[in-house]
């Protein structure tokens, strides 16, 4: 089974490979009573890109030895897709939905890492 940090790396690579933007990693490891260790949030520019980002995450994590997520929701409409890998939650949004829900800032005490867009 893939360790958590390697899973985070595989997820980030998968998101960057499909040109996901505004990738943010919320490190929750120092906080008590959280639902996971990391939240990874990303933006896709269209429903097709949101779906492609989620599918690529699934493919890359599986290739890295992490298996399938416990659950994926939102893929049908691809406005907001959430993927549950136990210690890591992945959220891929359209821009408007990401701004509205502002998930990464729900965890004010978490260490946030915002990655530069690579394209």
Protein backbone atom coordinates (compact mmCIF):
# COMPACT_ATOMS: atom_id res chain seq x y z
CA UNK A 1 0.00 0.00 0.00
CA UNK A 2 1.18 3.50 -0.84
CA UNK A 3 2.24 5.71 2.07
CA UNK A 4 0.42 9.00 2.48
CA UNK A 5 3.17 11.33 1.26
CA UNK A 6 3.75 9.25 -1.88
CA UNK A 7 0.01 9.27 -2.51
CA UNK A 8 -0.03 13.06 -2.23
CA UNK A 9 2.85 13.22 -4.72
CA UNK A 10 1.05 10.88 -7.16
CA UNK A 11 -2.15 12.95 -6.90
CA UNK A 12 -0.34 16.25 -7.47
CA UNK A 13 1.49 14.79 -10.49
CA UNK A 14 -1.80 13.51 -11.93
CA UNK A 15 -3.43 16.94 -11.51
CA UNK A 16 -0.46 18.75 -13.04
CA UNK A 17 -0.31 16.31 -15.98
CA UNK A 18 -3.85 17.30 -16.97
CA UNK A 19 -3.19 21.01 -16.40
CA UNK A 20 -5.21 21.41 -13.23
CA UNK A 21 -4.88 24.92 -11.83
CA UNK A 22 -4.61 26.45 -8.37
CA UNK A 23 -3.57 23.19 -6.75
CA UNK A 24 -3.63 23.64 -2.98
CA UNK A 25 -2.55 21.09 -0.40
CA UNK A 26 -3.96 21.48 3.11
CA UNK A 27 -1.77 19.57 5.56
CA UNK A 28 -3.99 18.52 8.46
CA UNK A 29 -1.49 16.22 10.18
CA UNK A 30 -0.89 18.59 13.10
CA UNK A 31 -4.60 19.11 13.80
CA UNK A 32 -6.67 16.96 16.11
CA UNK A 33 -9.83 15.12 15.12
CA UNK A 34 -9.68 15.65 11.36
CA UNK A 35 -11.30 13.38 8.81
CA UNK A 36 -8.05 12.89 6.90
CA UNK A 37 -4.39 13.95 6.86
CA UNK A 38 -4.47 15.97 3.62
CA UNK A 39 -7.01 17.85 1.52
CA UNK A 40 -5.94 18.50 -2.05
CA UNK A 41 -8.02 21.05 -3.95
CA UNK A 42 -7.74 21.81 -7.66
CA UNK A 43 -9.60 23.72 -10.35
CA UNK A 44 -10.56 22.53 -13.82
CA UNK A 45 -11.84 24.96 -16.44
CA UNK A 46 -14.72 22.84 -17.78
CA UNK A 47 -16.72 19.78 -16.76
CA UNK A 48 -14.69 17.73 -19.26
CA UNK A 49 -11.43 18.84 -17.66
CA UNK A 50 -12.77 18.24 -14.13
CA UNK A 51 -13.68 14.68 -15.13
CA UNK A 52 -10.32 14.15 -16.85
CA UNK A 53 -8.47 15.39 -13.76
CA UNK A 54 -10.39 12.99 -11.50
CA UNK A 55 -9.88 10.04 -13.83
CA UNK A 56 -6.17 10.78 -14.09
CA UNK A 57 -5.87 10.91 -10.30
CA UNK A 58 -7.53 7.49 -10.10
CA UNK A 59 -5.21 6.09 -12.78
CA UNK A 60 -1.98 7.52 -11.32
CA UNK A 61 -2.73 6.53 -7.73
CA UNK A 62 -3.57 3.01 -8.87
CA UNK A 63 -0.35 2.80 -10.93
CA UNK A 64 1.64 3.98 -7.90
CA UNK A 65 0.15 1.16 -5.81
CA UNK A 66 -2.49 3.11 -3.91
CA UNK A 67 -5.55 1.28 -5.19
CA UNK A 68 -8.95 2.79 -5.89
CA UNK A 69 -10.55 5.48 -3.75
CA UNK A 70 -13.11 4.43 -1.15
CA UNK A 71 -15.51 6.66 -2.99
CA UNK A 72 -15.86 9.13 -5.84
CA UNK A 73 -18.82 11.49 -5.98
CA UNK A 74 -19.77 14.13 -8.53
CA UNK A 75 -18.20 12.57 -11.61
CA UNK A 76 -21.50 12.41 -13.48
CA UNK A 77 -21.90 16.21 -13.66
CA UNK A 78 -18.22 17.08 -13.07
CA UNK A 79 -18.90 20.38 -11.35
CA UNK A 80 -17.30 19.24 -8.10
CA UNK A 81 -15.70 15.81 -7.86
CA UNK A 82 -14.64 14.50 -4.44
CA UNK A 83 -12.38 11.47 -4.09
CA UNK A 84 -11.77 9.69 -0.77
CA UNK A 85 -8.42 7.93 -0.37
CA UNK A 86 -8.72 7.59 3.40
CA UNK A 87 -5.85 9.79 4.57
CA UNK A 88 -6.18 12.02 1.49
CA UNK A 89 -9.28 13.75 0.16
CA UNK A 90 -9.16 15.20 -3.36
CA UNK A 91 -11.58 17.89 -4.54
CA UNK A 92 -11.68 19.04 -8.17
CA UNK A 93 -13.93 22.02 -8.87
CA UNK A 94 -15.09 24.29 -11.61
CA UNK A 95 -13.91 27.85 -10.76
CA UNK A 96 -17.27 29.21 -9.57
CA UNK A 97 -17.93 26.28 -7.25
CA UNK A 98 -14.43 26.43 -5.80
CA UNK A 99 -14.83 30.09 -4.98
CA UNK A 100 -18.26 29.51 -3.45
CA UNK A 101 -17.31 26.58 -1.18
CA UNK A 102 -13.75 27.78 -0.39
CA UNK A 103 -12.93 24.38 1.13
CA UNK A 104 -9.25 24.89 1.71
CA UNK A 105 -9.96 27.75 4.09
CA UNK A 106 -12.34 25.73 6.27
CA UNK A 107 -9.19 24.46 7.92
CA UNK A 108 -7.75 27.80 9.10
CA UNK A 109 -5.12 26.13 11.27
CA UNK A 110 -3.84 23.83 8.54
CA UNK A 111 -0.63 24.49 6.70
CA UNK A 112 -1.64 25.42 3.12
CA UNK A 113 0.71 24.91 0.20
CA UNK A 114 -0.35 26.57 -3.03
CA UNK A 115 1.48 25.14 -6.00
CA UNK A 116 2.26 27.31 -9.03
CA UNK A 117 0.48 26.40 -12.24
CA UNK A 118 2.92 24.55 -14.50
CA UNK A 119 1.64 25.55 -17.91
